Amino acid sequence: MHSPVDARFVEEVRKYRLRFSCPDCAHFQPETRTCSNGYPVEPHLITDLAPGSVVIFCKSFELL
């Protein structure tokens, strides 16, 4: 799911410490930087939450 980033989203991520990026997922293999389900990780490696950017949520995300 593609979700646009706005100021409210950035504030809620900070306030509630929301996690949705591959390194926070149980399926992420840090040694190989891959997903155990075989999904590409690049679209989900969040580096910038600037308003106007887009976050792509993974349907298989499971919090560690």
PDB file of N, CA and C in Angstrom:
ATOM      1  N   MET A   1       0.843  -1.173   0.000  1.00  0.00           N
ATOM      2  CA  MET A   1       0.000   0.000   0.000  1.00  0.00           C
ATOM      3  C   MET A   1       0.890   1.239   0.000  1.00  0.00           C
ATOM      4  N   HIS A   2       0.630   2.145  -0.907  1.00  0.00           N
ATOM      5  CA  HIS A   2       1.359   3.405  -0.997  1.00  0.00           C
ATOM      6  C   HIS A   2       0.602   4.454  -0.192  1.00  0.00           C
ATOM      7  N   SER A   3       1.307   5.139   0.676  1.00  0.00           N
ATOM      8  CA  SER A   3       0.680   6.159   1.496  1.00  0.00           C
ATOM      9  C   SER A   3       1.506   7.444   1.442  1.00  0.00           C
ATOM     10  N   PRO A   4       0.877   8.554   1.050  1.00  0.00           N
ATOM     11  CA  PRO A   4       1.629   9.817   1.020  1.00  0.00           C
ATOM     12  C   PRO A   4       1.970  10.281   2.432  1.00  0.00           C
ATOM     13  N   VAL A   5       3.108  10.889   2.568  1.00  0.00           N
ATOM     14  CA  VAL A   5       3.565  11.404   3.861  1.00  0.00           C
ATOM     15  C   VAL A   5       3.182  12.878   3.966  1.00  0.00           C
ATOM     16  N   ASP A   6       2.505  13.199   5.066  1.00  0.00           N
ATOM     17  CA  ASP A   6       2.202  14.599   5.358  1.00  0.00           C
ATOM     18  C   ASP A   6       2.671  14.907   6.776  1.00  0.00           C
ATOM     19  N   ALA A   7       2.519  16.134   7.199  1.00  0.00           N
ATOM     20  CA  ALA A   7       2.999  16.548   8.525  1.00  0.00           C
ATOM     21  C   ALA A   7       2.334  15.745   9.640  1.00  0.00           C
ATOM     22  N   ARG A   8       1.064  15.445   9.493  1.00  0.00           N
ATOM     23  CA  ARG A   8       0.354  14.666  10.519  1.00  0.00           C
ATOM     24  C   ARG A   8       0.945  13.268  10.646  1.00  0.00           C
ATOM     25  N   PHE A   9       1.216  12.621   9.520  1.00  0.00           N
ATOM     26  CA  PHE A   9       1.808  11.288   9.539  1.00  0.00           C
ATOM     27  C   PHE A   9       3.165  11.312  10.237  1.00  0.00           C
ATOM     28  N   VAL A  10       3.997  12.285   9.892  1.00  0.00           N
ATOM     29  CA  VAL A  10       5.327  12.412  10.506  1.00  0.00           C
ATOM     30  C   VAL A  10       5.189  12.584  12.014  1.00  0.00           C
ATOM     31  N   GLU A  11       4.266  13.407  12.452  1.00  0.00           N
ATOM     32  CA  GLU A  11       4.045  13.631  13.883  1.00  0.00           C
ATOM     33  C   GLU A  11       3.568  12.354  14.576  1.00  0.00           C
ATOM     34  N   GLU A  12       2.655  11.614  13.962  1.00  0.00           N
ATOM     35  CA  GLU A  12       2.144  10.380  14.570  1.00  0.00           C
ATOM     36  C   GLU A  12       3.217   9.302  14.640  1.00  0.00           C
ATOM     37  N   VAL A  13       4.066   9.215  13.639  1.00  0.00           N
ATOM     38  CA  VAL A  13       5.183   8.264  13.677  1.00  0.00           C
ATOM     39  C   VAL A  13       6.086   8.579  14.859  1.00  0.00           C
ATOM     40  N   ARG A  14       6.386   9.855  15.035  1.00  0.00           N
ATOM     41  CA  ARG A  14       7.239  10.272  16.153  1.00  0.00           C
ATOM     42  C   ARG A  14       6.543  10.052  17.497  1.00  0.00           C
ATOM     43  N   LYS A  15       5.317  10.513  17.609  1.00  0.00           N
ATOM     44  CA  LYS A  15       4.575  10.471  18.871  1.00  0.00           C
ATOM     45  C   LYS A  15       4.316   9.046  19.358  1.00  0.00           C
ATOM     46  N   TYR A  16       3.914   8.175  18.442  1.00  0.00           N
ATOM     47  CA  TYR A  16       3.546   6.806  18.822  1.00  0.00           C
ATOM     48  C   TYR A  16       4.643   5.786  18.536  1.00  0.00           C
ATOM     49  N   ARG A  17       5.797   6.271  18.038  1.00  0.00           N
ATOM     50  CA  ARG A  17       6.921   5.399  17.692  1.00  0.00           C
ATOM     51  C   ARG A  17       6.490   4.270  16.764  1.00  0.00           C
ATOM     52  N   LEU A  18       5.777   4.625  15.723  1.00  0.00           N
ATOM     53  CA  LEU A  18       5.285   3.643  14.767  1.00  0.00           C
ATOM     54  C   LEU A  18       6.447   2.992  14.023  1.00  0.00           C
ATOM     55  N   ARG A  19       6.341   1.718  13.791  1.00  0.00           N
ATOM     56  CA  ARG A  19       7.370   0.955  13.083  1.00  0.00           C
ATOM     57  C   ARG A  19       6.718   0.276  11.893  1.00  0.00           C
ATOM     58  N   PHE A  20       7.351   0.382  10.735  1.00  0.00           N
ATOM     59  CA  PHE A  20       6.772  -0.204   9.525  1.00  0.00           C
ATOM     60  C   PHE A  20       7.820  -0.493   8.464  1.00  0.00           C
ATOM     61  N   SER A  21       9.084  -0.371   8.820  1.00  0.00           N
ATOM     62  CA  SER A  21      10.173  -0.582   7.876  1.00  0.00           C
ATOM     63  C   SER A  21      10.762  -1.983   8.063  1.00  0.00           C
ATOM     64  N   CYS A  22      11.365  -2.504   7.018  1.00  0.00           N
ATOM     65  CA  CYS A  22      11.903  -3.868   7.052  1.00  0.00           C
ATOM     66  C   CYS A  22      12.763  -4.191   8.283  1.00  0.00           C
ATOM     67  N   PRO A  23      13.696  -3.339   8.688  1.00  0.00           N
ATOM     68  CA  PRO A  23      14.517  -3.694   9.850  1.00  0.00           C
ATOM     69  C   PRO A  23      13.719  -3.935  11.136  1.00  0.00           C
ATOM     70  N   ASP A  24      12.472  -3.488  11.191  1.00  0.00           N
ATOM     71  CA  ASP A  24      11.624  -3.710  12.365  1.00  0.00           C
ATOM     72  C   ASP A  24      10.709  -4.923  12.198  1.00  0.00           C
ATOM     73  N   CYS A  25      10.853  -5.645  11.094  1.00  0.00           N
ATOM     74  CA  CYS A  25       9.955  -6.768  10.770  1.00  0.00           C
ATOM     75  C   CYS A  25      10.599  -8.108  11.112  1.00  0.00           C
ATOM     76  N   ALA A  26       9.787  -9.032  11.568  1.00  0.00           N
ATOM     77  CA  ALA A  26      10.260 -10.370  11.917  1.00  0.00           C
ATOM     78  C   ALA A  26      10.767 -11.145  10.704  1.00  0.00           C
ATOM     79  N   HIS A  27      10.338 -10.776   9.510  1.00  0.00           N
ATOM     80  CA  HIS A  27      10.747 -11.485   8.298  1.00  0.00           C
ATOM     81  C   HIS A  27      12.062 -10.962   7.712  1.00  0.00           C
ATOM     82  N   PHE A  28      12.566  -9.854   8.232  1.00  0.00           N
ATOM     83  CA  PHE A  28      13.797  -9.263   7.710  1.00  0.00           C
ATOM     84  C   PHE A  28      15.000 -10.028   8.230  1.00  0.00           C
ATOM     85  N   GLN A  29      15.905 -10.383   7.312  1.00  0.00           N
ATOM     86  CA  GLN A  29      17.129 -11.084   7.654  1.00  0.00           C
ATOM     87  C   GLN A  29      18.286 -10.082   7.582  1.00  0.00           C
ATOM     88  N   PRO A  30      18.709  -9.518   8.734  1.00  0.00           N
ATOM     89  CA  PRO A  30      19.717  -8.453   8.707  1.00  0.00           C
ATOM     90  C   PRO A  30      21.066  -8.886   8.127  1.00  0.00           C
ATOM     91  N   GLU A  31      21.411 -10.142   8.283  1.00  0.00           N
ATOM     92  CA  GLU A  31      22.708 -10.606   7.778  1.00  0.00           C
ATOM     93  C   GLU A  31      22.796 -10.474   6.264  1.00  0.00           C
ATOM     94  N   THR A  32      21.697 -10.773   5.590  1.00  0.00           N
ATOM     95  CA  THR A  32      21.676 -10.732   4.125  1.00  0.00           C
ATOM     96  C   THR A  32      20.860  -9.561   3.586  1.00  0.00           C
ATOM     97  N   ARG A  33      20.220  -8.802   4.483  1.00  0.00           N
ATOM     98  CA  ARG A  33      19.341  -7.680   4.117  1.00  0.00           C
ATOM     99  C   ARG A  33      18.281  -8.125   3.107  1.00  0.00           C
ATOM    100  N   THR A  34      17.658  -9.277   3.429  1.00  0.00           N
ATOM    101  CA  THR A  34      16.606  -9.827   2.574  1.00  0.00           C
ATOM    102  C   THR A  34      15.375 -10.134   3.412  1.00  0.00           C
ATOM    103  N   CYS A  35      14.286 -10.443   2.723  1.00  0.00           N
ATOM    104  CA  CYS A  35      13.036 -10.825   3.369  1.00  0.00           C
ATOM    105  C   CYS A  35      12.885 -12.336   3.293  1.00  0.00           C
ATOM    106  N   SER A  36      12.551 -12.973   4.402  1.00  0.00           N
ATOM    107  CA  SER A  36      12.394 -14.427   4.392  1.00  0.00           C
ATOM    108  C   SER A  36      11.191 -14.862   3.559  1.00  0.00           C
ATOM    109  N   ASN A  37      10.292 -13.941   3.237  1.00  0.00           N
ATOM    110  CA  ASN A  37       9.157 -14.253   2.362  1.00  0.00           C
ATOM    111  C   ASN A  37       9.486 -14.021   0.892  1.00  0.00           C
ATOM    112  N   GLY A  38      10.667 -13.499   0.624  1.00  0.00           N
ATOM    113  CA  GLY A  38      11.085 -13.271  -0.745  1.00  0.00           C
ATOM    114  C   GLY A  38      10.676 -11.934  -1.334  1.00  0.00           C
ATOM    115  N   TYR A  39      10.091 -11.058  -0.527  1.00  0.00           N
ATOM    116  CA  TYR A  39       9.686  -9.742  -1.024  1.00  0.00           C
ATOM    117  C   TYR A  39      10.903  -8.834  -1.150  1.00  0.00           C
ATOM    118  N   PRO A  40      10.864  -7.905  -2.085  1.00  0.00           N
ATOM    119  CA  PRO A  40      11.979  -6.948  -2.177  1.00  0.00           C
ATOM    120  C   PRO A  40      11.964  -6.016  -0.967  1.00  0.00           C
ATOM    121  N   VAL A  41      13.116  -5.726  -0.423  1.00  0.00           N
ATOM    122  CA  VAL A  41      13.175  -4.873   0.770  1.00  0.00           C
ATOM    123  C   VAL A  41      13.412  -3.402   0.435  1.00  0.00           C
ATOM    124  N   GLU A  42      13.988  -3.120  -0.717  1.00  0.00           N
ATOM    125  CA  GLU A  42      14.341  -1.745  -1.066  1.00  0.00           C
ATOM    126  C   GLU A  42      13.173  -0.759  -0.936  1.00  0.00           C
ATOM    127  N   PRO A  43      11.976  -1.103  -1.413  1.00  0.00           N
ATOM    128  CA  PRO A  43      10.870  -0.129  -1.300  1.00  0.00           C
ATOM    129  C   PRO A  43      10.436   0.142   0.140  1.00  0.00           C
ATOM    130  N   HIS A  44      10.844  -0.722   1.060  1.00  0.00           N
ATOM    131  CA  HIS A  44      10.382  -0.613   2.440  1.00  0.00           C
ATOM    132  C   HIS A  44      11.461  -0.141   3.410  1.00  0.00           C
ATOM    133  N   LEU A  45      12.626   0.166   2.896  1.00  0.00           N
ATOM    134  CA  LEU A  45      13.703   0.686   3.743  1.00  0.00           C
ATOM    135  C   LEU A  45      13.540   2.194   3.836  1.00  0.00           C
ATOM    136  N   ILE A  46      12.809   2.629   4.841  1.00  0.00           N
ATOM    137  CA  ILE A  46      12.455   4.033   4.998  1.00  0.00           C
ATOM    138  C   ILE A  46      13.676   4.821   5.461  1.00  0.00           C
ATOM    139  N   THR A  47      14.047   5.819   4.682  1.00  0.00           N
ATOM    140  CA  THR A  47      15.169   6.668   5.073  1.00  0.00           C
ATOM    141  C   THR A  47      14.742   8.117   5.267  1.00  0.00           C
ATOM    142  N   ASP A  48      13.615   8.499   4.662  1.00  0.00           N
ATOM    143  CA  ASP A  48      13.197   9.892   4.717  1.00  0.00           C
ATOM    144  C   ASP A  48      11.685   9.973   4.883  1.00  0.00           C
ATOM    145  N   LEU A  49      11.236  10.605   5.944  1.00  0.00           N
ATOM    146  CA  LEU A  49       9.800  10.810   6.157  1.00  0.00           C
ATOM    147  C   LEU A  49       9.439  12.270   5.931  1.00  0.00           C
ATOM    148  N   ALA A  50       9.929  12.812   4.868  1.00  0.00           N
ATOM    149  CA  ALA A  50       9.638  14.214   4.556  1.00  0.00           C
ATOM    150  C   ALA A  50       8.240  14.333   3.956  1.00  0.00           C
ATOM    151  N   PRO A  51       7.486  15.351   4.379  1.00  0.00           N
ATOM    152  CA  PRO A  51       6.187  15.580   3.747  1.00  0.00           C
ATOM    153  C   PRO A  51       6.349  15.664   2.228  1.00  0.00           C
ATOM    154  N   GLY A  52       5.464  14.988   1.530  1.00  0.00           N
ATOM    155  CA  GLY A  52       5.526  14.940   0.075  1.00  0.00           C
ATOM    156  C   GLY A  52       6.114  13.636  -0.437  1.00  0.00           C
ATOM    157  N   SER A  53       6.815  12.894   0.438  1.00  0.00           N
ATOM    158  CA  SER A  53       7.336  11.593   0.023  1.00  0.00           C
ATOM    159  C   SER A  53       6.233  10.545   0.167  1.00  0.00           C
ATOM    160  N   VAL A  54       6.536   9.314  -0.172  1.00  0.00           N
ATOM    161  CA  VAL A  54       5.557   8.227  -0.118  1.00  0.00           C
ATOM    162  C   VAL A  54       6.158   7.065   0.659  1.00  0.00           C
ATOM    163  N   VAL A  55       5.353   6.460   1.538  1.00  0.00           N
ATOM    164  CA  VAL A  55       5.746   5.263   2.270  1.00  0.00           C
ATOM    165  C   VAL A  55       5.010   4.089   1.632  1.00  0.00           C
ATOM    166  N   ILE A  56       5.739   2.999   1.398  1.00  0.00           N
ATOM    167  CA  ILE A  56       5.126   1.797   0.853  1.00  0.00           C
ATOM    168  C   ILE A  56       5.078   0.764   1.976  1.00  0.00           C
ATOM    169  N   PHE A  57       3.862   0.435   2.410  1.00  0.00           N
ATOM    170  CA  PHE A  57       3.679  -0.532   3.485  1.00  0.00           C
ATOM    171  C   PHE A  57       3.671  -1.951   2.917  1.00  0.00           C
ATOM    172  N   CYS A  58       4.266  -2.884   3.621  1.00  0.00           N
ATOM    173  CA  CYS A  58       4.306  -4.285   3.212  1.00  0.00           C
ATOM    174  C   CYS A  58       3.120  -5.021   3.835  1.00  0.00           C
ATOM    175  N   LYS A  59       2.497  -5.863   3.040  1.00  0.00           N
ATOM    176  CA  LYS A  59       1.331  -6.612   3.533  1.00  0.00           C
ATOM    177  C   LYS A  59       1.713  -7.711   4.509  1.00  0.00           C
ATOM    178  N   SER A  60       2.992  -8.080   4.575  1.00  0.00           N
ATOM    179  CA  SER A  60       3.419  -9.166   5.462  1.00  0.00           C
ATOM    180  C   SER A  60       4.181  -8.670   6.690  1.00  0.00           C
ATOM    181  N   PHE A  61       4.187  -7.384   6.945  1.00  0.00           N
ATOM    182  CA  PHE A  61       4.944  -6.832   8.072  1.00  0.00           C
ATOM    183  C   PHE A  61       4.460  -7.431   9.393  1.00  0.00           C
ATOM    184  N   GLU A  62       5.418  -7.924  10.172  1.00  0.00           N
ATOM    185  CA  GLU A  62       5.150  -8.426  11.523  1.00  0.00           C
ATOM    186  C   GLU A  62       6.177  -7.806  12.449  1.00  0.00           C
ATOM    187  N   LEU A  63       5.712  -7.065  13.419  1.00  0.00           N
ATOM    188  CA  LEU A  63       6.608  -6.384  14.352  1.00  0.00           C
ATOM    189  C   LEU A  63       7.403  -7.403  15.154  1.00  0.00           C
ATOM    190  N   LEU A  64       8.693  -7.128  15.299  1.00  0.00           N
ATOM    191  CA  LEU A  64       9.559  -7.995  16.108  1.00  0.00           C
ATOM    192  C   LEU A  64       9.086  -8.063  17.530  1.00  0.00           C
TER     193      LEU A  64
END
